[in-house]
Amino acid sequence: MKKILIIFGAFGALGRGVSKTLLSRDFTKCYLFDMNVDSLNQENVLVYPTDKIDENSITNAFAKIPVEKDAHYFLFSSIGGYTGGKEIDATELSDLEEMLDKNLRTNFLILKKFIKIVKQSLGGGICFTSALTGLTPTKEHSVYGLTKSSLNYLIQTAALEGREFNLSVNGIAPSVLDTPANRTWMSEQELKNALKPEEIGDLVYDLFKNFFFISGNIITLLYRFDDNKNNK
């Protein structure tokens, strides 16, 4: 059975780790998209740069992916943005517009194009990157949280519609990630408890592997146990 993998945001802090894990799995062909890309010496992996993430660039990206009726398709998106630290009356309309573009509009367009492929194939799954703030209101994170919350609604609505054509739709909502940028301020203990992007890739693969019965979930990733801790 053919299994086609698509990743948007494949070389960001989260996307790079998830991509590393997924590319080691049993996908027939892999298509990676990002604004800044690395060359990968894998025969079944195609890497494409995108100038910017808008409707034209997403349309052009999907034009590079052949539709095969006898294949399953799987897509992971790490596309998103963050802003915070300001109360509502100090938040600019431009902040809201930026978060709408990065967290909602772009992923809506990706989902829309992906559905058109899945409807012509055997089915598949898609996983988006949400955030804990989209599930729990947090001061000084209004526009970030509301756009992630809107993404959650989109995910769960698409999961209902996807039942008609074998499409699973889920999201992950991680807390602090173990990334080079976060390592500059995290304590040793915080680093041990930070989420590992490669391990999140394992979770995403499990969602894809079991797409035929896991759908409509926003999976919260609150905390990583320190698996090297000595139990007393």
Protein backbone atom coordinates (compact mmCIF):
# COMPACT_ATOMS: atom_id res chain seq x y z
CA MET A 1 0.00 0.00 0.00
CA LYS A 2 1.38 3.40 -0.98
CA LYS A 3 1.74 5.95 1.82
CA ILE A 4 2.45 9.55 0.82
CA LEU A 5 3.76 12.00 3.44
CA ILE A 6 3.47 15.81 3.22
CA ILE A 7 5.02 18.19 5.75
CA PHE A 8 4.56 21.96 5.89
CA GLY A 9 7.03 23.79 8.11
CA ALA A 10 9.41 20.86 7.82
CA PHE A 11 12.55 22.68 8.96
CA GLY A 12 11.37 24.81 11.86
CA ALA A 13 12.09 24.06 15.52
CA LEU A 14 9.25 21.54 15.81
CA GLY A 15 9.02 20.52 12.17
CA ARG A 16 12.66 19.48 11.93
CA GLY A 17 12.34 16.97 14.78
CA VAL A 18 9.01 15.62 13.59
CA SER A 19 10.36 15.32 10.04
CA LYS A 20 13.42 13.42 11.24
CA THR A 21 11.19 10.81 12.86
CA LEU A 22 8.62 10.54 10.09
CA LEU A 23 11.23 10.27 7.33
CA SER A 24 12.61 7.18 9.04
CA ARG A 25 9.26 5.43 8.75
CA ASP A 26 7.58 3.47 5.98
CA PHE A 27 6.36 6.21 3.66
CA THR A 28 6.55 5.60 -0.07
CA LYS A 29 7.15 9.24 -0.98
CA CYS A 30 7.70 12.38 1.11
CA TYR A 31 7.13 16.04 0.15
CA LEU A 32 8.64 18.68 2.45
CA PHE A 33 7.84 22.39 2.29
CA ASP A 34 9.29 25.35 4.18
CA MET A 35 10.58 28.88 3.63
CA ASN A 36 14.12 27.80 4.58
CA VAL A 37 14.99 24.28 3.48
CA ASP A 38 17.85 21.84 3.84
CA SER A 39 18.88 19.37 1.16
CA LEU A 40 18.25 15.77 2.14
CA ASN A 41 19.96 12.84 0.50
CA GLN A 42 17.01 10.45 0.55
CA GLU A 43 15.73 8.96 -2.65
CA ASN A 44 12.06 9.10 -1.69
CA VAL A 45 12.15 12.67 -0.27
CA LEU A 46 11.42 15.81 -2.31
CA VAL A 47 12.13 19.21 -0.73
CA TYR A 48 10.60 22.46 -1.98
CA PRO A 49 11.13 26.03 -0.76
CA THR A 50 8.15 28.36 -0.44
CA ASP A 51 8.68 32.11 -0.81
CA LYS A 52 5.86 32.90 1.58
CA ILE A 53 2.86 31.10 2.92
CA ASP A 54 -0.20 32.39 1.09
CA GLU A 55 -2.89 30.92 -1.15
CA ASN A 56 -0.74 31.01 -4.29
CA SER A 57 2.25 29.33 -2.64
CA ILE A 58 0.05 26.63 -1.11
CA THR A 59 -1.66 26.03 -4.44
CA ASN A 60 1.76 25.75 -6.12
CA ALA A 61 2.96 23.37 -3.41
CA PHE A 62 0.05 21.00 -3.84
CA ALA A 63 0.48 21.13 -7.61
CA LYS A 64 3.78 19.28 -7.06
CA ILE A 65 2.02 16.34 -5.40
CA PRO A 66 0.54 13.77 -7.80
CA VAL A 67 -2.83 12.31 -6.88
CA GLU A 68 -2.75 8.51 -6.78
CA LYS A 69 -6.04 6.72 -6.35
CA ASP A 70 -4.40 3.68 -4.75
CA ALA A 71 -2.52 5.61 -2.04
CA HIS A 72 -3.10 6.94 1.46
CA TYR A 73 -2.01 10.53 2.13
CA PHE A 74 -0.76 11.97 5.42
CA LEU A 75 0.07 15.58 6.24
CA PHE A 76 1.67 17.27 9.24
CA SER A 77 1.67 21.05 9.60
CA SER A 78 3.83 22.87 12.11
CA ILE A 79 2.82 26.20 10.55
CA GLY A 80 1.96 28.82 13.14
CA GLY A 81 3.10 31.96 14.88
CA TYR A 82 3.24 33.45 18.35
CA THR A 83 2.67 36.82 19.90
CA GLY A 84 1.92 37.69 23.50
CA GLY A 85 2.81 39.76 26.52
CA LYS A 86 0.24 42.50 25.90
CA GLU A 87 -3.24 43.02 27.29
CA ILE A 88 -6.13 43.45 24.85
CA ASP A 89 -6.20 47.25 24.96
CA ALA A 90 -2.49 47.35 24.11
CA THR A 91 -2.76 44.80 21.29
CA GLU A 92 -2.63 46.14 17.76
CA LEU A 93 -5.01 45.04 15.02
CA SER A 94 -1.90 44.08 13.04
CA ASP A 95 -1.07 41.52 15.76
CA LEU A 96 -4.47 39.91 15.26
CA GLU A 97 -4.07 39.91 11.48
CA GLU A 98 -0.64 38.29 11.74
CA MET A 99 -1.91 35.52 14.02
CA LEU A 100 -4.94 34.94 11.82
CA ASP A 101 -2.63 34.51 8.82
CA LYS A 102 -0.14 32.21 10.52
CA ASN A 103 -2.37 30.14 12.80
CA LEU A 104 -5.68 29.96 10.98
CA ARG A 105 -5.82 31.09 7.35
CA THR A 106 -2.74 29.20 6.24
CA ASN A 107 -3.82 25.95 7.89
CA PHE A 108 -7.34 26.40 6.50
CA LEU A 109 -5.88 26.61 2.99
CA ILE A 110 -3.64 23.58 3.59
CA LEU A 111 -6.63 21.60 4.84
CA LYS A 112 -8.79 22.67 1.89
CA LYS A 113 -6.18 21.58 -0.67
CA PHE A 114 -5.45 18.34 1.20
CA ILE A 115 -9.13 17.37 1.28
CA LYS A 116 -9.25 17.58 -2.52
CA ILE A 117 -6.42 15.03 -2.71
CA VAL A 118 -7.88 12.70 -0.09
CA LYS A 119 -11.26 12.63 -1.82
CA GLN A 120 -9.53 11.18 -4.88
CA SER A 121 -7.48 8.62 -2.94
CA LEU A 122 -8.03 5.83 -0.42
CA GLY A 123 -8.07 8.29 2.48
CA GLY A 124 -5.56 9.50 5.04
CA GLY A 125 -4.87 11.78 7.97
CA ILE A 126 -3.77 15.31 8.77
CA CYS A 127 -2.33 16.68 12.01
CA PHE A 128 -2.05 20.37 12.90
CA THR A 129 -0.07 22.13 15.61
CA SER A 130 -2.30 23.92 18.07
CA ALA A 131 -1.37 25.22 21.54
CA LEU A 132 -2.42 24.87 25.16
CA THR A 133 -3.43 28.54 25.11
CA GLY A 134 -6.10 27.67 22.57
CA LEU A 135 -7.75 25.45 25.17
CA THR A 136 -7.27 27.55 28.32
CA PRO A 137 -7.67 31.36 28.35
CA THR A 138 -4.47 33.07 29.44
CA LYS A 139 -3.91 36.74 30.22
CA GLU A 140 -1.90 38.70 27.67
CA HIS A 141 -2.33 36.03 25.00
CA SER A 142 -5.70 37.03 23.55
CA VAL A 143 -5.05 37.02 19.81
CA TYR A 144 -2.69 34.04 19.97
CA GLY A 145 -5.18 32.00 21.98
CA LEU A 146 -8.24 32.90 19.95
CA THR A 147 -6.59 31.98 16.64
CA LYS A 148 -5.41 28.64 18.05
CA SER A 149 -8.89 28.09 19.47
CA SER A 150 -10.32 28.76 16.02
CA LEU A 151 -7.88 26.23 14.59
CA ASN A 152 -9.18 23.68 17.11
CA TYR A 153 -12.74 24.30 15.91
CA LEU A 154 -11.62 23.87 12.31
CA ILE A 155 -9.93 20.56 13.19
CA GLN A 156 -12.99 19.15 14.92
CA THR A 157 -15.39 20.31 12.19
CA ALA A 158 -13.17 18.82 9.48
CA ALA A 159 -13.06 15.54 11.41
CA LEU A 160 -16.86 15.34 11.23
CA GLU A 161 -16.88 16.07 7.50
CA GLY A 162 -13.97 13.72 6.89
CA ARG A 163 -15.98 10.67 7.91
CA GLU A 164 -17.55 10.72 4.45
CA PHE A 165 -14.23 10.18 2.64
CA ASN A 166 -11.90 8.45 5.13
CA LEU A 167 -10.08 11.54 6.43
CA SER A 168 -8.79 11.71 9.99
CA VAL A 169 -8.11 15.20 11.39
CA ASN A 170 -6.30 15.82 14.67
CA GLY A 171 -4.20 18.44 16.42
CA ILE A 172 -1.45 18.47 19.00
CA ALA A 173 -1.25 21.16 21.68
CA PRO A 174 2.28 21.10 23.11
CA SER A 175 3.75 23.07 25.99
CA VAL A 176 7.44 24.02 26.09
CA LEU A 177 9.60 22.33 23.47
CA ASP A 178 13.25 21.31 23.69
CA THR A 179 14.60 23.61 20.98
CA PRO A 180 17.90 25.48 20.55
CA ALA A 181 16.18 28.79 21.29
CA ASN A 182 14.49 27.51 24.46
CA ARG A 183 17.69 25.91 25.69
CA THR A 184 19.16 29.41 26.14
CA TRP A 185 16.84 30.15 29.07
CA MET A 186 15.67 26.78 30.45
CA SER A 187 17.10 25.36 33.66
CA GLU A 188 18.51 21.86 33.69
CA GLN A 189 15.31 20.47 35.20
CA GLU A 190 13.09 22.39 32.77
CA LEU A 191 15.10 20.96 29.91
CA LYS A 192 14.52 17.42 31.20
CA ASN A 193 10.78 18.05 31.27
CA ALA A 194 10.59 19.84 27.91
CA LEU A 195 8.91 18.03 25.03
CA LYS A 196 11.21 16.47 22.44
CA PRO A 197 10.22 17.20 18.81
CA GLU A 198 11.42 13.76 17.68
CA GLU A 199 9.14 12.10 20.23
CA ILE A 200 6.24 14.24 19.06
CA GLY A 201 7.04 12.78 15.64
CA ASP A 202 6.44 9.32 17.11
CA LEU A 203 3.02 10.47 18.32
CA VAL A 204 2.15 11.98 14.94
CA TYR A 205 3.15 8.72 13.24
CA ASP A 206 0.88 6.78 15.59
CA LEU A 207 -2.01 9.09 14.69
CA PHE A 208 -1.34 8.43 11.01
CA LYS A 209 -0.91 4.69 11.54
CA ASN A 210 -4.29 4.53 13.29
CA PHE A 211 -6.05 7.18 11.24
CA PHE A 212 -9.04 4.92 10.60
CA PHE A 213 -10.30 5.32 14.18
CA ILE A 214 -8.51 8.33 15.74
CA SER A 215 -9.98 11.65 14.62
CA GLY A 216 -11.29 14.93 16.01
CA ASN A 217 -8.85 15.16 18.90
CA ILE A 218 -6.77 18.04 20.25
CA ILE A 219 -4.08 16.16 22.15
CA THR A 220 -2.58 18.15 25.02
CA LEU A 221 1.13 17.60 25.64
CA LEU A 222 1.64 19.18 29.04
CA TYR A 223 4.80 17.69 30.40
CA ARG A 224 7.54 15.18 29.72
CA PHE A 225 8.51 12.88 32.56
CA ASP A 226 12.18 12.82 33.46
CA ASP A 227 12.75 9.20 32.47
CA ASN A 228 16.27 9.24 33.95
CA LYS A 229 15.04 10.22 37.39
CA ASN A 230 15.83 7.75 40.14
CA ASN A 231 12.73 6.57 41.97
CA LYS A 232 13.10 6.50 45.74
